[in-house]
Amino acid sequence: MLYLSTTLTEFDKIHIQRISVDKDIQIGYQRSSQVLALPLFVMAQINANWYKDNNNDVFNGFSVAGITWDYTFGQLHTNIGYDHYEEDLGAGAAVVLSINSDWDMVLEGYTTSQSNDSALSVGIVYHTFGHRFKVGVHNSTNIGFRQLMQGTTNKNWVLGFQIHRLLEW
């Protein structure tokens, strides 16, 4: 997956990503806001997707709404997504536990309205200046919320590795 995003304002972000599964290209806009003075944040995101489905070119809309609780030793994320082409609704949740200033532990799960098993992941994240190194064990090889909320038919667990580079200018 190749992902690029930029912050427009304190609350607005745009992104573009390319996921190798189905040659999926996504462009999106996200708006987030803090609720009162609480460590509670709400988010709404709309996306346009282009990909192939059984050799048919598909233009799709994908919408996400989420809530994040930012607590002293980590974060709790919950999201609900709707795939307009598949007419499929899914939910995801993640718990991020801060082990110390450099290390996090992450547990994620995505439910599905299909007959597939839910997608699950457990991993660790190492933070350095400008980089995030992620290692995880997953029961799905899908990447991205739209694919993960479809669940998995894979009964095997796989090892995954990601490197995120944060650029500032």
N, C-alpha and C. Protein backbone atom coordinates (compact mmCIF):
# COMPACT_ATOMS: atom_id res chain seq x y z
N MET A 1 0.85 -1.17 0.00
CA MET A 1 0.00 0.00 0.00
C MET A 1 0.89 1.23 0.00
N LEU A 2 0.53 2.20 -0.79
CA LEU A 2 1.18 3.49 -0.82
C LEU A 2 0.15 4.51 -0.36
N TYR A 3 0.49 5.32 0.65
CA TYR A 3 -0.47 6.23 1.26
C TYR A 3 0.18 7.60 1.41
N LEU A 4 -0.52 8.64 1.02
CA LEU A 4 -0.05 10.00 1.16
C LEU A 4 -1.20 10.85 1.66
N SER A 5 -0.95 11.62 2.71
CA SER A 5 -2.00 12.50 3.22
C SER A 5 -1.38 13.84 3.62
N THR A 6 -2.22 14.83 3.65
CA THR A 6 -1.78 16.14 4.11
C THR A 6 -2.91 16.78 4.91
N THR A 7 -2.54 17.55 5.89
CA THR A 7 -3.50 18.25 6.74
C THR A 7 -3.76 19.62 6.13
N LEU A 8 -5.03 19.91 5.89
CA LEU A 8 -5.41 21.20 5.33
C LEU A 8 -5.58 22.24 6.43
N THR A 9 -6.28 21.86 7.50
CA THR A 9 -6.47 22.70 8.67
C THR A 9 -6.30 21.80 9.89
N GLU A 10 -6.53 22.34 11.05
CA GLU A 10 -6.43 21.56 12.28
C GLU A 10 -7.41 20.37 12.27
N PHE A 11 -8.51 20.49 11.55
CA PHE A 11 -9.55 19.47 11.57
C PHE A 11 -9.76 18.74 10.23
N ASP A 12 -9.12 19.21 9.15
CA ASP A 12 -9.37 18.67 7.82
C ASP A 12 -8.13 18.02 7.24
N LYS A 13 -8.34 16.86 6.59
CA LYS A 13 -7.24 16.13 5.99
C LYS A 13 -7.72 15.51 4.67
N ILE A 14 -6.84 15.47 3.68
CA ILE A 14 -7.12 14.75 2.45
C ILE A 14 -6.06 13.66 2.29
N HIS A 15 -6.43 12.59 1.59
CA HIS A 15 -5.47 11.51 1.37
C HIS A 15 -5.69 10.85 0.03
N ILE A 16 -4.64 10.20 -0.44
CA ILE A 16 -4.72 9.34 -1.61
C ILE A 16 -3.94 8.09 -1.27
N GLN A 17 -4.47 6.94 -1.65
CA GLN A 17 -3.76 5.69 -1.38
C GLN A 17 -3.98 4.72 -2.53
N ARG A 18 -2.98 3.86 -2.71
CA ARG A 18 -3.08 2.78 -3.69
C ARG A 18 -2.82 1.48 -2.95
N ILE A 19 -3.77 0.58 -3.05
CA ILE A 19 -3.68 -0.73 -2.42
C ILE A 19 -3.53 -1.75 -3.52
N SER A 20 -2.58 -2.66 -3.41
CA SER A 20 -2.32 -3.61 -4.49
C SER A 20 -3.48 -4.57 -4.73
N VAL A 21 -4.28 -4.86 -3.70
CA VAL A 21 -5.42 -5.74 -3.88
C VAL A 21 -6.42 -5.04 -4.82
N ASP A 22 -6.76 -5.67 -5.92
CA ASP A 22 -7.68 -5.13 -6.92
C ASP A 22 -7.21 -3.80 -7.52
N LYS A 23 -5.93 -3.46 -7.36
CA LYS A 23 -5.39 -2.18 -7.86
C LYS A 23 -6.26 -1.02 -7.41
N ASP A 24 -6.67 -1.06 -6.17
CA ASP A 24 -7.58 -0.08 -5.56
C ASP A 24 -6.88 1.26 -5.39
N ILE A 25 -7.48 2.32 -5.92
CA ILE A 25 -7.00 3.68 -5.71
C ILE A 25 -8.11 4.44 -4.98
N GLN A 26 -7.74 5.15 -3.93
CA GLN A 26 -8.73 5.85 -3.11
C GLN A 26 -8.29 7.29 -2.89
N ILE A 27 -9.23 8.22 -3.04
CA ILE A 27 -9.02 9.62 -2.69
C ILE A 27 -10.08 9.95 -1.65
N GLY A 28 -9.68 10.60 -0.56
CA GLY A 28 -10.64 10.86 0.50
C GLY A 28 -10.45 12.18 1.20
N TYR A 29 -11.49 12.58 1.89
CA TYR A 29 -11.50 13.78 2.72
C TYR A 29 -11.99 13.38 4.10
N GLN A 30 -11.30 13.87 5.13
CA GLN A 30 -11.66 13.54 6.51
C GLN A 30 -11.80 14.82 7.34
N ARG A 31 -12.84 14.86 8.12
CA ARG A 31 -13.08 15.97 9.06
C ARG A 31 -13.16 15.39 10.46
N SER A 32 -12.39 15.94 11.38
CA SER A 32 -12.43 15.46 12.76
C SER A 32 -12.54 16.65 13.70
N SER A 33 -13.02 16.37 14.90
CA SER A 33 -13.22 17.43 15.88
C SER A 33 -13.22 16.86 17.28
N GLN A 34 -12.69 17.63 18.21
CA GLN A 34 -12.72 17.24 19.62
C GLN A 34 -14.08 17.61 20.20
N VAL A 35 -14.61 16.74 21.06
CA VAL A 35 -15.90 16.98 21.70
C VAL A 35 -15.66 17.71 23.02
N LEU A 36 -16.16 18.95 23.08
CA LEU A 36 -15.97 19.81 24.25
C LEU A 36 -14.50 19.82 24.63
N ALA A 37 -14.16 19.69 25.88
CA ALA A 37 -12.75 19.63 26.30
C ALA A 37 -12.37 18.21 26.69
N LEU A 38 -13.19 17.24 26.29
CA LEU A 38 -12.94 15.83 26.62
C LEU A 38 -11.86 15.25 25.72
N PRO A 39 -11.23 14.16 26.14
CA PRO A 39 -10.28 13.47 25.26
C PRO A 39 -11.02 12.57 24.26
N LEU A 40 -12.13 13.08 23.72
CA LEU A 40 -13.00 12.35 22.81
C LEU A 40 -13.02 13.08 21.46
N PHE A 41 -12.80 12.33 20.38
CA PHE A 41 -12.74 12.90 19.06
C PHE A 41 -13.70 12.16 18.14
N VAL A 42 -14.40 12.91 17.28
CA VAL A 42 -15.30 12.30 16.29
C VAL A 42 -14.73 12.59 14.90
N MET A 43 -15.02 11.68 13.97
CA MET A 43 -14.45 11.78 12.64
C MET A 43 -15.48 11.32 11.62
N ALA A 44 -15.52 12.01 10.49
CA ALA A 44 -16.31 11.59 9.33
C ALA A 44 -15.39 11.64 8.12
N GLN A 45 -15.51 10.62 7.28
CA GLN A 45 -14.64 10.52 6.11
C GLN A 45 -15.45 10.06 4.91
N ILE A 46 -15.22 10.70 3.76
CA ILE A 46 -15.84 10.25 2.51
C ILE A 46 -14.70 9.95 1.53
N ASN A 47 -14.89 8.89 0.74
CA ASN A 47 -13.85 8.44 -0.16
C ASN A 47 -14.43 8.09 -1.51
N ALA A 48 -13.62 8.26 -2.53
CA ALA A 48 -13.92 7.77 -3.87
C ALA A 48 -12.90 6.68 -4.18
N ASN A 49 -13.38 5.53 -4.64
CA ASN A 49 -12.51 4.39 -4.95
C ASN A 49 -12.64 4.00 -6.41
N TRP A 50 -11.52 3.61 -7.00
CA TRP A 50 -11.50 3.02 -8.33
C TRP A 50 -10.78 1.69 -8.22
N TYR A 51 -11.40 0.61 -8.70
CA TYR A 51 -10.77 -0.71 -8.66
C TYR A 51 -11.47 -1.64 -9.64
N LYS A 52 -10.93 -2.83 -9.79
CA LYS A 52 -11.52 -3.84 -10.67
C LYS A 52 -12.24 -4.88 -9.83
N ASP A 53 -13.42 -5.29 -10.28
CA ASP A 53 -14.19 -6.35 -9.66
C ASP A 53 -14.58 -7.32 -10.77
N ASN A 54 -13.96 -8.50 -10.80
CA ASN A 54 -14.19 -9.49 -11.88
C ASN A 54 -14.01 -8.86 -13.26
N ASN A 55 -12.89 -8.15 -13.42
CA ASN A 55 -12.51 -7.47 -14.67
C ASN A 55 -13.44 -6.33 -15.07
N ASN A 56 -14.33 -5.91 -14.18
CA ASN A 56 -15.16 -4.73 -14.41
C ASN A 56 -14.56 -3.54 -13.67
N ASP A 57 -14.42 -2.41 -14.34
CA ASP A 57 -13.95 -1.20 -13.67
C ASP A 57 -15.07 -0.68 -12.77
N VAL A 58 -14.72 -0.41 -11.52
CA VAL A 58 -15.72 0.03 -10.55
C VAL A 58 -15.32 1.40 -10.01
N PHE A 59 -16.27 2.31 -9.99
CA PHE A 59 -16.13 3.57 -9.26
C PHE A 59 -17.06 3.45 -8.07
N ASN A 60 -16.53 3.63 -6.87
CA ASN A 60 -17.27 3.34 -5.66
C ASN A 60 -17.13 4.48 -4.66
N GLY A 61 -18.13 4.64 -3.85
CA GLY A 61 -18.06 5.54 -2.71
C GLY A 61 -17.92 4.72 -1.44
N PHE A 62 -17.16 5.24 -0.50
CA PHE A 62 -16.98 4.56 0.78
C PHE A 62 -17.00 5.63 1.88
N SER A 63 -17.87 5.45 2.87
CA SER A 63 -18.03 6.42 3.95
C SER A 63 -17.65 5.79 5.28
N VAL A 64 -17.02 6.59 6.14
CA VAL A 64 -16.61 6.11 7.46
C VAL A 64 -16.97 7.17 8.50
N ALA A 65 -17.47 6.71 9.65
CA ALA A 65 -17.68 7.57 10.82
C ALA A 65 -16.99 6.90 11.99
N GLY A 66 -16.34 7.69 12.83
CA GLY A 66 -15.60 7.07 13.92
C GLY A 66 -15.53 7.94 15.16
N ILE A 67 -15.20 7.27 16.25
CA ILE A 67 -15.00 7.92 17.55
C ILE A 67 -13.68 7.41 18.13
N THR A 68 -12.88 8.31 18.66
CA THR A 68 -11.62 7.94 19.31
C THR A 68 -11.61 8.52 20.72
N TRP A 69 -11.26 7.67 21.68
CA TRP A 69 -11.06 8.11 23.06
C TRP A 69 -9.57 8.06 23.31
N ASP A 70 -8.97 9.20 23.60
CA ASP A 70 -7.53 9.32 23.81
C ASP A 70 -7.27 9.37 25.31
N TYR A 71 -6.83 8.27 25.88
CA TYR A 71 -6.61 8.23 27.32
C TYR A 71 -5.11 8.25 27.63
N THR A 72 -4.75 8.33 28.89
CA THR A 72 -3.37 8.52 29.32
C THR A 72 -2.42 7.47 28.77
N PHE A 73 -2.83 6.23 28.72
CA PHE A 73 -1.92 5.14 28.32
C PHE A 73 -2.31 4.52 26.98
N GLY A 74 -3.00 5.26 26.12
CA GLY A 74 -3.32 4.74 24.80
C GLY A 74 -4.55 5.36 24.19
N GLN A 75 -5.14 4.63 23.26
CA GLN A 75 -6.32 5.11 22.54
C GLN A 75 -7.28 3.95 22.27
N LEU A 76 -8.55 4.29 22.17
CA LEU A 76 -9.58 3.35 21.75
C LEU A 76 -10.25 3.95 20.51
N HIS A 77 -10.18 3.25 19.38
CA HIS A 77 -10.78 3.71 18.12
C HIS A 77 -11.95 2.81 17.76
N THR A 78 -13.05 3.41 17.33
CA THR A 78 -14.17 2.64 16.78
C THR A 78 -14.61 3.32 15.49
N ASN A 79 -14.90 2.52 14.49
CA ASN A 79 -15.31 3.05 13.18
C ASN A 79 -16.44 2.21 12.62
N ILE A 80 -17.30 2.87 11.89
CA ILE A 80 -18.34 2.20 11.12
C ILE A 80 -18.17 2.66 9.68
N GLY A 81 -18.13 1.71 8.76
CA GLY A 81 -17.93 2.04 7.35
C GLY A 81 -19.04 1.47 6.49
N TYR A 82 -19.32 2.16 5.38
CA TYR A 82 -20.33 1.69 4.44
C TYR A 82 -19.75 1.73 3.03
N ASP A 83 -19.74 0.57 2.38
CA ASP A 83 -19.29 0.42 1.00
C ASP A 83 -20.52 0.57 0.11
N HIS A 84 -20.60 1.66 -0.64
CA HIS A 84 -21.80 1.96 -1.44
C HIS A 84 -21.98 1.01 -2.63
N TYR A 85 -20.89 0.50 -3.19
CA TYR A 85 -20.99 -0.43 -4.33
C TYR A 85 -21.47 -1.81 -3.87
N GLU A 86 -20.85 -2.33 -2.82
CA GLU A 86 -21.23 -3.65 -2.30
C GLU A 86 -22.47 -3.58 -1.42
N GLU A 87 -22.88 -2.35 -1.04
CA GLU A 87 -23.97 -2.13 -0.09
C GLU A 87 -23.73 -2.94 1.18
N ASP A 88 -22.51 -2.78 1.71
CA ASP A 88 -22.07 -3.56 2.85
C ASP A 88 -21.67 -2.62 3.99
N LEU A 89 -22.11 -2.94 5.18
CA LEU A 89 -21.80 -2.17 6.37
C LEU A 89 -20.85 -2.99 7.24
N GLY A 90 -19.83 -2.34 7.79
CA GLY A 90 -18.89 -3.04 8.66
C GLY A 90 -18.42 -2.14 9.78
N ALA A 91 -17.89 -2.75 10.81
CA ALA A 91 -17.40 -1.99 11.96
C ALA A 91 -16.01 -2.48 12.31
N GLY A 92 -15.21 -1.56 12.81
CA GLY A 92 -13.86 -1.91 13.24
C GLY A 92 -13.56 -1.23 14.56
N ALA A 93 -12.68 -1.85 15.32
CA ALA A 93 -12.25 -1.27 16.60
C ALA A 93 -10.78 -1.60 16.81
N ALA A 94 -10.09 -0.69 17.45
CA ALA A 94 -8.68 -0.91 17.76
C ALA A 94 -8.39 -0.36 19.15
N VAL A 95 -7.57 -1.08 19.89
CA VAL A 95 -7.06 -0.63 21.17
C VAL A 95 -5.56 -0.45 21.01
N VAL A 96 -5.07 0.74 21.32
CA VAL A 96 -3.65 1.04 21.25
C VAL A 96 -3.18 1.29 22.68
N LEU A 97 -2.28 0.44 23.17
CA LEU A 97 -1.74 0.59 24.52
C LEU A 97 -0.31 1.10 24.42
N SER A 98 -0.03 2.24 25.05
CA SER A 98 1.32 2.80 25.05
C SER A 98 2.15 2.10 26.11
N ILE A 99 3.15 1.36 25.67
CA ILE A 99 4.04 0.66 26.60
C ILE A 99 5.02 1.66 27.21
N ASN A 100 5.60 2.50 26.37
CA ASN A 100 6.41 3.65 26.80
C ASN A 100 6.39 4.66 25.66
N SER A 101 7.25 5.67 25.69
CA SER A 101 7.18 6.72 24.67
C SER A 101 7.54 6.22 23.27
N ASP A 102 8.23 5.08 23.16
CA ASP A 102 8.65 4.57 21.86
C ASP A 102 7.84 3.37 21.36
N TRP A 103 7.15 2.65 22.23
CA TRP A 103 6.49 1.40 21.86
C TRP A 103 5.00 1.42 22.16
N ASP A 104 4.21 0.87 21.23
CA ASP A 104 2.77 0.68 21.42
C ASP A 104 2.43 -0.77 21.10
N MET A 105 1.38 -1.27 21.73
CA MET A 105 0.81 -2.56 21.38
C MET A 105 -0.57 -2.29 20.80
N VAL A 106 -0.92 -2.98 19.70
CA VAL A 106 -2.16 -2.72 18.98
C VAL A 106 -2.95 -4.01 18.82
N LEU A 107 -4.25 -3.94 19.11
CA LEU A 107 -5.17 -5.05 18.88
C LEU A 107 -6.32 -4.49 18.06
N GLU A 108 -6.57 -5.09 16.87
CA GLU A 108 -7.62 -4.61 15.97
C GLU A 108 -8.57 -5.74 15.61
N GLY A 109 -9.82 -5.37 15.35
CA GLY A 109 -10.80 -6.33 14.87
C GLY A 109 -11.81 -5.65 13.98
N TYR A 110 -12.27 -6.38 12.95
CA TYR A 110 -13.26 -5.87 12.00
C TYR A 110 -14.36 -6.90 11.86
N THR A 111 -15.58 -6.49 12.09
CA THR A 111 -16.72 -7.39 11.91
C THR A 111 -17.20 -7.31 10.48
N THR A 112 -18.02 -8.27 10.10
CA THR A 112 -18.53 -8.30 8.75
C THR A 112 -19.99 -8.72 8.76
N SER A 113 -20.73 -8.23 7.79
CA SER A 113 -22.13 -8.66 7.64
C SER A 113 -22.22 -9.84 6.68
N GLN A 114 -21.06 -10.27 6.17
CA GLN A 114 -21.02 -11.41 5.26
C GLN A 114 -20.78 -12.68 6.08
N SER A 115 -20.72 -13.82 5.39
CA SER A 115 -20.53 -15.10 6.08
C SER A 115 -19.07 -15.37 6.42
N ASN A 116 -18.17 -14.45 6.06
CA ASN A 116 -16.75 -14.63 6.35
C ASN A 116 -16.46 -14.42 7.82
N ASP A 117 -15.30 -14.93 8.27
CA ASP A 117 -14.86 -14.69 9.64
C ASP A 117 -14.41 -13.24 9.79
N SER A 118 -14.47 -12.72 11.00
CA SER A 118 -13.99 -11.37 11.27
C SER A 118 -12.48 -11.30 11.08
N ALA A 119 -11.99 -10.15 10.66
CA ALA A 119 -10.56 -9.93 10.49
C ALA A 119 -9.98 -9.46 11.81
N LEU A 120 -8.89 -10.08 12.25
CA LEU A 120 -8.25 -9.77 13.53
C LEU A 120 -6.76 -9.51 13.34
N SER A 121 -6.19 -8.69 14.22
CA SER A 121 -4.77 -8.38 14.14
C SER A 121 -4.26 -8.02 15.53
N VAL A 122 -3.04 -8.44 15.83
CA VAL A 122 -2.36 -8.02 17.05
C VAL A 122 -0.92 -7.70 16.66
N GLY A 123 -0.39 -6.60 17.19
CA GLY A 123 0.96 -6.21 16.79
C GLY A 123 1.59 -5.19 17.71
N ILE A 124 2.80 -4.80 17.35
CA ILE A 124 3.54 -3.78 18.09
C ILE A 124 3.98 -2.70 17.12
N VAL A 125 4.16 -1.49 17.64
CA VAL A 125 4.60 -0.35 16.85
C VAL A 125 5.78 0.29 17.57
N TYR A 126 6.85 0.55 16.82
CA TYR A 126 8.01 1.25 17.37
C TYR A 126 8.10 2.62 16.72
N HIS A 127 8.15 3.68 17.55
CA HIS A 127 8.19 5.07 17.06
C HIS A 127 9.63 5.58 17.10
N THR A 128 10.08 6.15 16.01
CA THR A 128 11.33 6.91 16.00
C THR A 128 10.99 8.26 15.39
N PHE A 129 11.93 9.16 15.38
CA PHE A 129 11.69 10.46 14.77
C PHE A 129 11.40 10.26 13.29
N GLY A 130 10.18 10.50 12.89
CA GLY A 130 9.81 10.43 11.49
C GLY A 130 9.41 9.07 10.96
N HIS A 131 9.54 8.01 11.75
CA HIS A 131 9.19 6.66 11.28
C HIS A 131 8.29 5.95 12.28
N ARG A 132 7.48 5.04 11.77
CA ARG A 132 6.70 4.11 12.57
C ARG A 132 6.94 2.73 11.98
N PHE A 133 7.49 1.81 12.76
CA PHE A 133 7.71 0.44 12.33
C PHE A 133 6.64 -0.42 12.98
N LYS A 134 5.89 -1.16 12.17
CA LYS A 134 4.79 -1.96 12.68
C LYS A 134 5.00 -3.42 12.31
N VAL A 135 4.85 -4.31 13.28
CA VAL A 135 4.91 -5.75 13.06
C VAL A 135 3.64 -6.33 13.67
N GLY A 136 2.95 -7.17 12.91
CA GLY A 136 1.71 -7.73 13.42
C GLY A 136 1.45 -9.12 12.91
N VAL A 137 0.57 -9.81 13.60
CA VAL A 137 0.08 -11.12 13.20
C VAL A 137 -1.40 -10.94 12.87
N HIS A 138 -1.82 -11.42 11.68
CA HIS A 138 -3.16 -11.17 11.17
C HIS A 138 -3.77 -12.45 10.62
N ASN A 139 -5.09 -12.52 10.63
CA ASN A 139 -5.76 -13.64 9.97
C ASN A 139 -6.31 -13.22 8.60
N SER A 140 -5.90 -12.06 8.11
CA SER A 140 -6.36 -11.57 6.81
C SER A 140 -5.19 -10.91 6.10
N THR A 141 -5.10 -11.11 4.79
CA THR A 141 -4.07 -10.43 4.01
C THR A 141 -4.61 -9.14 3.38
N ASN A 142 -5.85 -8.79 3.67
CA ASN A 142 -6.43 -7.55 3.15
C ASN A 142 -5.79 -6.34 3.81
N ILE A 143 -5.82 -5.21 3.09
CA ILE A 143 -5.30 -3.96 3.60
C ILE A 143 -6.37 -2.90 3.40
N GLY A 144 -6.61 -2.07 4.40
CA GLY A 144 -7.57 -0.99 4.28
C GLY A 144 -8.94 -1.38 4.81
N PHE A 145 -9.65 -0.42 5.35
CA PHE A 145 -10.93 -0.66 6.02
C PHE A 145 -11.94 -1.30 5.07
N ARG A 146 -12.03 -0.80 3.82
CA ARG A 146 -13.03 -1.33 2.88
C ARG A 146 -12.84 -2.83 2.66
N GLN A 147 -11.59 -3.28 2.54
CA GLN A 147 -11.33 -4.70 2.35
C GLN A 147 -11.46 -5.49 3.66
N LEU A 148 -10.99 -4.92 4.76
CA LEU A 148 -11.01 -5.64 6.04
C LEU A 148 -12.43 -5.87 6.55
N MET A 149 -13.33 -4.94 6.28
CA MET A 149 -14.70 -5.14 6.78
C MET A 149 -15.45 -6.22 6.01
N GLN A 150 -14.85 -6.72 4.90
CA GLN A 150 -15.44 -7.84 4.19
C GLN A 150 -15.10 -9.16 4.87
N GLY A 151 -14.26 -9.10 5.90
CA GLY A 151 -13.90 -10.30 6.64
C GLY A 151 -12.86 -11.11 5.89
N THR A 152 -12.68 -12.33 6.33
CA THR A 152 -11.67 -13.20 5.73
C THR A 152 -12.19 -14.62 5.62
N THR A 153 -11.79 -15.29 4.57
CA THR A 153 -12.07 -16.72 4.44
C THR A 153 -10.81 -17.51 4.74
N ASN A 154 -9.74 -16.80 5.03
CA ASN A 154 -8.44 -17.41 5.31
C ASN A 154 -8.40 -17.89 6.76
N LYS A 155 -8.12 -19.13 6.98
CA LYS A 155 -8.03 -19.66 8.35
C LYS A 155 -6.59 -19.65 8.87
N ASN A 156 -5.65 -19.16 8.03
CA ASN A 156 -4.25 -19.11 8.42
C ASN A 156 -3.91 -17.74 8.98
N TRP A 157 -2.90 -17.69 9.83
CA TRP A 157 -2.40 -16.43 10.36
C TRP A 157 -1.14 -16.07 9.61
N VAL A 158 -0.96 -14.78 9.34
CA VAL A 158 0.20 -14.30 8.59
C VAL A 158 0.93 -13.23 9.39
N LEU A 159 2.21 -13.07 9.09
CA LEU A 159 3.04 -12.04 9.72
C LEU A 159 3.11 -10.85 8.77
N GLY A 160 2.84 -9.66 9.28
CA GLY A 160 2.88 -8.46 8.45
C GLY A 160 3.87 -7.45 8.99
N PHE A 161 4.41 -6.61 8.12
CA PHE A 161 5.38 -5.59 8.50
C PHE A 161 5.10 -4.33 7.69
N GLN A 162 5.09 -3.17 8.35
CA GLN A 162 4.88 -1.89 7.68
C GLN A 162 5.90 -0.88 8.17
N ILE A 163 6.28 0.02 7.29
CA ILE A 163 7.10 1.17 7.66
C ILE A 163 6.35 2.41 7.22
N HIS A 164 6.12 3.32 8.15
CA HIS A 164 5.49 4.60 7.83
C HIS A 164 6.56 5.67 7.97
N ARG A 165 6.66 6.54 6.98
CA ARG A 165 7.58 7.66 7.03
C ARG A 165 6.76 8.93 7.10
N LEU A 166 6.97 9.73 8.13
CA LEU A 166 6.27 11.00 8.30
C LEU A 166 7.11 12.12 7.73
N LEU A 167 6.56 12.83 6.77
CA LEU A 167 7.28 13.94 6.14
C LEU A 167 6.66 15.25 6.57
N GLU A 168 7.48 16.20 6.87
CA GLU A 168 7.00 17.53 7.25
C GLU A 168 7.71 18.58 6.43
N TRP A 169 6.96 19.59 5.99
CA TRP A 169 7.56 20.74 5.32
C TRP A 169 6.75 21.96 5.54
